[in-house]
């Protein structure tokens, strides 16, 4: 599914990391430069290294940037399928994903904005719960003992 808003965000990155799983089941990644084509709703690779010339199938393209202080972070991932089109490879996107859960922007929550951080933590909790529900799994950690200790600490402080 193409997202014009997030495709616009992706154009702000100088490069990305393309990852696939090879036929033996091992992950392979390479840094690359891409061009997003809104009309055809595909992503073409500008400088893909020769080692990636045989890559086909499910893939993801990760975009990430931040300033020199590791603040003002942005992150975007595009999942899809790498296919051979003519003489070149292209990625046909199936999902545009942001770490903040937004469908319109790729900016991560800022540490100086507590409300953004709380929203980000709640998003992570909802996403994890959804992941576990889809797989018919329960939380891997029993938080009851930790919560009991926290309650005891609070009550001992008066």
Protein backbone atom coordinates (compact mmCIF):
# COMPACT_ATOMS: atom_id res chain seq x y z
CA UNK A 1 0.00 0.00 0.00
CA UNK A 2 1.53 3.30 -1.12
CA UNK A 3 1.59 6.31 1.22
CA UNK A 4 2.23 9.63 -0.52
CA UNK A 5 2.79 11.37 2.84
CA UNK A 6 5.42 8.89 4.00
CA UNK A 7 6.98 8.68 0.52
CA UNK A 8 7.54 12.43 0.82
CA UNK A 9 9.19 11.85 4.22
CA UNK A 10 11.45 9.14 2.74
CA UNK A 11 12.80 11.57 0.15
CA UNK A 12 14.43 13.59 2.95
CA UNK A 13 16.88 10.76 3.73
CA UNK A 14 20.21 10.59 1.87
CA UNK A 15 20.18 6.78 1.85
CA UNK A 16 18.58 3.67 3.35
CA UNK A 17 19.38 0.10 4.34
CA UNK A 18 17.82 -2.66 2.27
CA UNK A 19 17.40 -6.01 4.07
CA UNK A 20 16.32 -9.39 2.73
CA UNK A 21 16.55 -13.01 3.82
CA UNK A 22 18.73 -15.15 1.55
CA UNK A 23 17.65 -18.60 0.31
CA UNK A 24 19.48 -20.23 3.25
CA UNK A 25 17.48 -18.15 5.75
CA UNK A 26 20.20 -15.65 6.65
CA UNK A 27 19.56 -11.90 6.74
CA UNK A 28 21.48 -9.73 4.27
CA UNK A 29 21.61 -5.95 4.33
CA UNK A 30 23.22 -3.22 2.29
CA UNK A 31 23.17 0.55 2.26
CA UNK A 32 21.67 2.04 -0.89
CA UNK A 33 20.19 5.13 -2.48
CA UNK A 34 16.64 4.98 -3.79
CA UNK A 35 14.15 6.87 -5.91
CA UNK A 36 10.45 6.81 -4.99
CA UNK A 37 8.06 6.84 -7.93
CA UNK A 38 4.62 8.12 -6.87
CA UNK A 39 3.09 7.49 -10.27
CA UNK A 40 4.06 3.80 -10.44
CA UNK A 41 4.08 3.39 -6.62
CA UNK A 42 7.45 1.63 -6.63
CA UNK A 43 10.95 2.28 -5.35
CA UNK A 44 13.93 1.95 -7.65
CA UNK A 45 17.53 1.54 -6.52
CA UNK A 46 20.09 4.04 -7.72
CA UNK A 47 23.32 2.49 -6.43
CA UNK A 48 22.66 -1.09 -5.37
CA UNK A 49 25.92 -3.05 -4.87
CA UNK A 50 26.55 -6.13 -7.04
CA UNK A 51 26.03 -8.49 -4.08
CA UNK A 52 22.34 -7.50 -4.09
CA UNK A 53 21.77 -8.13 -7.81
CA UNK A 54 20.30 -11.58 -7.13
CA UNK A 55 18.03 -10.50 -4.28
CA UNK A 56 14.33 -11.17 -4.81
CA UNK A 57 11.31 -11.58 -2.57
CA UNK A 58 10.24 -10.07 0.76
CA UNK A 59 12.38 -7.14 1.86
CA UNK A 60 12.40 -4.02 3.96
CA UNK A 61 13.96 -0.63 3.45
CA UNK A 62 14.94 1.23 6.64
CA UNK A 63 15.44 4.99 6.76
CA UNK A 64 16.90 6.63 9.89
CA UNK A 65 18.48 10.00 10.69
CA UNK A 66 19.22 12.29 13.64
CA UNK A 67 21.33 15.31 14.52
CA UNK A 68 24.86 15.33 16.00
CA UNK A 69 23.45 15.10 19.54
CA UNK A 70 21.41 12.00 18.62
CA UNK A 71 18.24 14.08 18.96
CA UNK A 72 15.61 15.03 16.40
CA UNK A 73 15.33 11.41 15.36
CA UNK A 74 13.36 10.26 12.34
CA UNK A 75 12.66 6.68 11.32
CA UNK A 76 10.66 5.04 8.57
CA UNK A 77 10.50 1.49 7.26
CA UNK A 78 8.99 0.34 4.00
CA UNK A 79 8.18 -3.35 3.63
CA UNK A 80 7.55 -4.97 0.29
CA UNK A 81 8.93 -7.30 -2.37
CA UNK A 82 12.06 -6.90 -4.46
CA UNK A 83 11.37 -7.86 -8.07
CA UNK A 84 13.26 -7.68 -11.32
CA UNK A 85 11.71 -5.10 -13.63
CA UNK A 86 13.44 -4.98 -16.98
CA UNK A 87 17.16 -4.70 -16.25
CA UNK A 88 16.86 -3.38 -12.71
CA UNK A 89 15.52 -4.30 -9.31
CA UNK A 90 12.70 -2.42 -7.67
CA UNK A 91 10.85 -2.62 -4.38
CA UNK A 92 7.08 -2.89 -4.57
CA UNK A 93 5.88 -1.62 -1.18
CA UNK A 94 3.19 -3.36 0.83
CA UNK A 95 3.51 -1.36 4.09
CA UNK A 96 4.88 2.02 5.16
CA UNK A 97 5.67 1.90 8.91
CA UNK A 98 6.86 4.54 11.33
CA UNK A 99 8.22 3.95 14.83
CA UNK A 100 5.80 6.56 16.17
CA UNK A 101 2.76 4.86 14.59
CA UNK A 102 1.93 7.90 12.47
CA UNK A 103 0.57 7.58 8.96
CA UNK A 104 1.76 11.06 8.04
CA UNK A 105 5.14 11.76 9.67
CA UNK A 106 8.30 9.92 10.62
CA UNK A 107 9.55 12.10 13.50
CA UNK A 108 10.24 10.20 16.72
CA UNK A 109 9.00 11.50 20.09
CA UNK A 110 11.27 14.06 21.70
CA UNK A 111 12.70 13.49 25.18
CA UNK A 112 11.79 17.04 26.15
CA UNK A 113 8.09 16.43 25.43
CA UNK A 114 6.70 14.10 28.12
CA UNK A 115 3.31 13.77 26.43
CA UNK A 116 4.98 12.50 23.23
CA UNK A 117 6.99 9.95 25.22
CA UNK A 118 3.89 8.69 27.04
CA UNK A 119 2.03 8.37 23.73
CA UNK A 120 5.04 6.49 22.30
CA UNK A 121 5.15 4.07 25.25
CA UNK A 122 1.40 3.43 25.00
CA UNK A 123 1.77 2.79 21.27
CA UNK A 124 4.50 0.22 22.00
CA UNK A 125 2.29 -1.48 24.55
CA UNK A 126 -0.66 -1.62 22.10
CA UNK A 127 1.54 -2.93 19.28
CA UNK A 128 3.05 -5.61 21.53
CA UNK A 129 -0.42 -6.70 22.72
CA UNK A 130 -1.64 -6.86 19.12
CA UNK A 131 1.42 -8.95 18.15
CA UNK A 132 0.78 -11.41 21.00
CA UNK A 133 -2.96 -11.66 20.22
CA UNK A 134 -2.29 -12.46 16.54
CA UNK A 135 0.00 -15.30 17.62
CA UNK A 136 -2.23 -16.48 20.45
CA UNK A 137 0.57 -15.84 22.95
CA UNK A 138 0.72 -14.30 26.44
CA UNK A 139 3.15 -11.72 27.82
CA UNK A 140 6.53 -13.46 28.24
CA UNK A 141 7.18 -11.70 31.57
CA UNK A 142 5.02 -11.88 34.68
CA UNK A 143 5.06 -8.30 35.97
CA UNK A 144 3.17 -9.16 39.18
CA UNK A 145 6.28 -9.53 41.41
CA UNK A 146 7.76 -6.26 40.12
CA UNK A 147 4.48 -4.40 40.65
CA UNK A 148 4.26 -5.80 44.19
CA UNK A 149 7.75 -4.48 45.00
CA UNK A 150 6.84 -1.06 43.58
CA UNK A 151 3.68 -0.93 45.74
CA UNK A 152 5.70 -1.91 48.80
CA UNK A 153 8.28 0.80 48.10
CA UNK A 154 5.55 3.42 47.70
CA UNK A 155 3.82 2.42 50.92
CA UNK A 156 7.11 2.39 52.87
CA UNK A 157 7.78 6.00 51.83
CA UNK A 158 4.56 7.02 53.50
